[in-house]
Amino acid sequence: MLRVTNRLLQSCRITLFTRANCGLCSQAKSVLSDVWDQRPFVYKEVDIIAPEAKGWRDLYEFDVPVIHISKADAPEEDPKQSSKAVKLMHRLKVEEVMAKMDVVEGKQS
């Protein structure tokens, strides 16, 4: 399963915006686990229902799951910068996630 980690080998961070009792979120976690098996990354999870995540809830309340993909050493995600984020929403596929990781790492445009 996914572990929050910070290994030097990992050049991407994936932040999953999720909520409890979300079937698509469970599917997204499974896809991210499959990606992890092929290509480890720094993982962060944000429960948009948590009081401290109000900015994210305002953005993604009806869109979870959403993932943001960034460089591992990038600043923390900020709701005000969400329009600039490399993201995927709803039904994720391993190939799509890895393609976005390539974009963030500068391997493709």
C-alpha atoms as a PDB file:
ATOM      1  CA  MET A   1       0.000   0.000   0.000  1.00  0.00           C
ATOM      2  CA  LEU A   2       1.025   3.625  -0.308  1.00  0.00           C
ATOM      3  CA  ARG A   3       3.346   4.998   2.313  1.00  0.00           C
ATOM      4  CA  VAL A   4       4.139   8.609   3.061  1.00  0.00           C
ATOM      5  CA  THR A   5       7.868   8.802   2.442  1.00  0.00           C
ATOM      6  CA  ASN A   6      10.559  11.171   1.289  1.00  0.00           C
ATOM      7  CA  ARG A   7      13.223   9.148  -0.508  1.00  0.00           C
ATOM      8  CA  LEU A   8      15.767  10.939  -2.660  1.00  0.00           C
ATOM      9  CA  LEU A   9      14.910   8.705  -5.626  1.00  0.00           C
ATOM     10  CA  GLN A  10      11.436  10.143  -5.903  1.00  0.00           C
ATOM     11  CA  SER A  11      11.260  13.178  -8.128  1.00  0.00           C
ATOM     12  CA  CYS A  12       7.457  13.562  -8.045  1.00  0.00           C
ATOM     13  CA  ARG A  13       4.965  14.254  -5.304  1.00  0.00           C
ATOM     14  CA  ILE A  14       1.366  13.183  -5.775  1.00  0.00           C
ATOM     15  CA  THR A  15      -1.243  14.804  -3.570  1.00  0.00           C
ATOM     16  CA  LEU A  16      -4.600  13.022  -3.477  1.00  0.00           C
ATOM     17  CA  PHE A  17      -7.623  15.129  -2.576  1.00  0.00           C
ATOM     18  CA  THR A  18     -10.195  12.732  -1.173  1.00  0.00           C
ATOM     19  CA  ARG A  19     -13.093  12.292   1.262  1.00  0.00           C
ATOM     20  CA  ALA A  20     -14.554   9.441   3.285  1.00  0.00           C
ATOM     21  CA  ASN A  21     -17.071   7.063   1.677  1.00  0.00           C
ATOM     22  CA  CYS A  22     -15.963   7.913  -1.867  1.00  0.00           C
ATOM     23  CA  GLY A  23     -15.860   4.878  -4.156  1.00  0.00           C
ATOM     24  CA  LEU A  24     -13.939   6.671  -6.894  1.00  0.00           C
ATOM     25  CA  CYS A  25     -11.398   7.766  -4.260  1.00  0.00           C
ATOM     26  CA  SER A  26     -10.829   4.128  -3.292  1.00  0.00           C
ATOM     27  CA  GLN A  27     -10.307   3.276  -6.961  1.00  0.00           C
ATOM     28  CA  ALA A  28      -7.875   6.193  -7.306  1.00  0.00           C
ATOM     29  CA  LYS A  29      -5.845   4.909  -4.322  1.00  0.00           C
ATOM     30  CA  SER A  30      -5.647   1.505  -5.991  1.00  0.00           C
ATOM     31  CA  VAL A  31      -4.406   3.088  -9.244  1.00  0.00           C
ATOM     32  CA  LEU A  32      -1.835   5.141  -7.317  1.00  0.00           C
ATOM     33  CA  SER A  33      -0.676   1.980  -5.562  1.00  0.00           C
ATOM     34  CA  ASP A  34      -0.137   0.370  -8.986  1.00  0.00           C
ATOM     35  CA  VAL A  35       1.814   3.445 -10.135  1.00  0.00           C
ATOM     36  CA  TRP A  36       3.887   3.323  -6.922  1.00  0.00           C
ATOM     37  CA  ASP A  37       4.862  -0.303  -7.676  1.00  0.00           C
ATOM     38  CA  GLN A  38       6.399   0.829 -10.974  1.00  0.00           C
ATOM     39  CA  ARG A  39       7.579   4.296 -10.061  1.00  0.00           C
ATOM     40  CA  PRO A  40       7.748   5.400  -6.409  1.00  0.00           C
ATOM     41  CA  PHE A  41       6.725   8.935  -5.535  1.00  0.00           C
ATOM     42  CA  VAL A  42       6.221  11.108  -2.471  1.00  0.00           C
ATOM     43  CA  TYR A  43       2.590  10.693  -1.419  1.00  0.00           C
ATOM     44  CA  LYS A  44       0.355  13.135   0.413  1.00  0.00           C
ATOM     45  CA  GLU A  45      -3.350  12.814   1.081  1.00  0.00           C
ATOM     46  CA  VAL A  46      -5.756  15.666   1.853  1.00  0.00           C
ATOM     47  CA  ASP A  47      -9.218  14.958   3.287  1.00  0.00           C
ATOM     48  CA  ILE A  48     -11.171  17.878   1.843  1.00  0.00           C
ATOM     49  CA  ILE A  49     -13.791  17.586   4.609  1.00  0.00           C
ATOM     50  CA  ALA A  50     -11.242  18.320   7.345  1.00  0.00           C
ATOM     51  CA  PRO A  51     -11.696  21.838   8.794  1.00  0.00           C
ATOM     52  CA  GLU A  52      -8.140  22.845   7.845  1.00  0.00           C
ATOM     53  CA  ALA A  53      -8.840  21.888   4.210  1.00  0.00           C
ATOM     54  CA  LYS A  54     -11.711  24.334   3.641  1.00  0.00           C
ATOM     55  CA  GLY A  55      -9.932  25.964   0.687  1.00  0.00           C
ATOM     56  CA  TRP A  56      -9.676  22.585  -1.010  1.00  0.00           C
ATOM     57  CA  ARG A  57     -13.277  21.669  -0.158  1.00  0.00           C
ATOM     58  CA  ASP A  58     -14.433  24.911  -1.793  1.00  0.00           C
ATOM     59  CA  LEU A  59     -12.549  23.907  -4.961  1.00  0.00           C
ATOM     60  CA  TYR A  60     -13.046  20.148  -5.149  1.00  0.00           C
ATOM     61  CA  GLU A  61     -16.163  19.285  -3.120  1.00  0.00           C
ATOM     62  CA  PHE A  62     -17.922  17.821  -6.164  1.00  0.00           C
ATOM     63  CA  ASP A  63     -14.812  16.660  -8.040  1.00  0.00           C
ATOM     64  CA  VAL A  64     -12.946  14.200  -5.778  1.00  0.00           C
ATOM     65  CA  PRO A  65     -10.832  12.312  -6.345  1.00  0.00           C
ATOM     66  CA  VAL A  66      -8.353  14.834  -7.678  1.00  0.00           C
ATOM     67  CA  ILE A  67      -4.593  14.421  -7.793  1.00  0.00           C
ATOM     68  CA  HIS A  68      -1.962  17.112  -8.169  1.00  0.00           C
ATOM     69  CA  ILE A  69       1.420  16.004  -9.488  1.00  0.00           C
ATOM     70  CA  SER A  70       4.416  18.182  -8.736  1.00  0.00           C
ATOM     71  CA  LYS A  71       8.145  17.926  -8.248  1.00  0.00           C
ATOM     72  CA  ALA A  72       8.911  16.325  -4.898  1.00  0.00           C
ATOM     73  CA  ASP A  73      10.717  19.454  -3.706  1.00  0.00           C
ATOM     74  CA  ALA A  74       8.033  21.926  -4.878  1.00  0.00           C
ATOM     75  CA  PRO A  75       6.280  24.123  -2.299  1.00  0.00           C
ATOM     76  CA  GLU A  76       3.213  22.649  -0.616  1.00  0.00           C
ATOM     77  CA  GLU A  77       0.023  22.698  -2.674  1.00  0.00           C
ATOM     78  CA  ASP A  78      -1.987  25.920  -2.364  1.00  0.00           C
ATOM     79  CA  PRO A  79      -5.677  26.258  -3.315  1.00  0.00           C
ATOM     80  CA  LYS A  80      -4.934  29.718  -4.782  1.00  0.00           C
ATOM     81  CA  GLN A  81      -2.477  28.112  -7.228  1.00  0.00           C
ATOM     82  CA  SER A  82      -4.696  25.156  -8.186  1.00  0.00           C
ATOM     83  CA  SER A  83      -5.343  26.441 -11.710  1.00  0.00           C
ATOM     84  CA  LYS A  84      -1.615  26.018 -12.451  1.00  0.00           C
ATOM     85  CA  ALA A  85      -1.384  22.495 -11.006  1.00  0.00           C
ATOM     86  CA  VAL A  86      -0.710  19.423 -13.129  1.00  0.00           C
ATOM     87  CA  LYS A  87      -3.781  17.415 -12.197  1.00  0.00           C
ATOM     88  CA  LEU A  88      -6.070  14.535 -13.003  1.00  0.00           C
ATOM     89  CA  MET A  89      -9.625  14.086 -11.749  1.00  0.00           C
ATOM     90  CA  HIS A  90     -12.199  11.357 -11.197  1.00  0.00           C
ATOM     91  CA  ARG A  91     -11.343   8.042 -12.900  1.00  0.00           C
ATOM     92  CA  LEU A  92      -7.566   7.710 -12.964  1.00  0.00           C
ATOM     93  CA  LYS A  93      -5.548   5.327 -15.124  1.00  0.00           C
ATOM     94  CA  VAL A  94      -1.975   4.212 -14.432  1.00  0.00           C
ATOM     95  CA  GLU A  95      -0.820   5.361 -17.890  1.00  0.00           C
ATOM     96  CA  GLU A  96      -2.350   8.831 -17.437  1.00  0.00           C
ATOM     97  CA  VAL A  97      -0.714   9.313 -14.036  1.00  0.00           C
ATOM     98  CA  MET A  98       2.689   8.223 -15.345  1.00  0.00           C
ATOM     99  CA  ALA A  99       2.357  10.490 -18.404  1.00  0.00           C
ATOM    100  CA  LYS A 100       1.663  13.467 -16.111  1.00  0.00           C
ATOM    101  CA  MET A 101       4.686  12.462 -13.987  1.00  0.00           C
ATOM    102  CA  ASP A 102       6.779  12.585 -17.195  1.00  0.00           C
ATOM    103  CA  VAL A 103       5.489  16.116 -17.874  1.00  0.00           C
ATOM    104  CA  VAL A 104       6.393  17.274 -14.359  1.00  0.00           C
ATOM    105  CA  GLU A 105       9.836  15.690 -14.650  1.00  0.00           C
ATOM    106  CA  GLY A 106      10.369  17.378 -18.014  1.00  0.00           C
ATOM    107  CA  LYS A 107      10.548  14.122 -20.007  1.00  0.00           C
ATOM    108  CA  GLN A 108       7.693  15.153 -22.293  1.00  0.00           C
ATOM    109  CA  SER A 109       5.802  18.297 -23.090  1.00  0.00           C
END
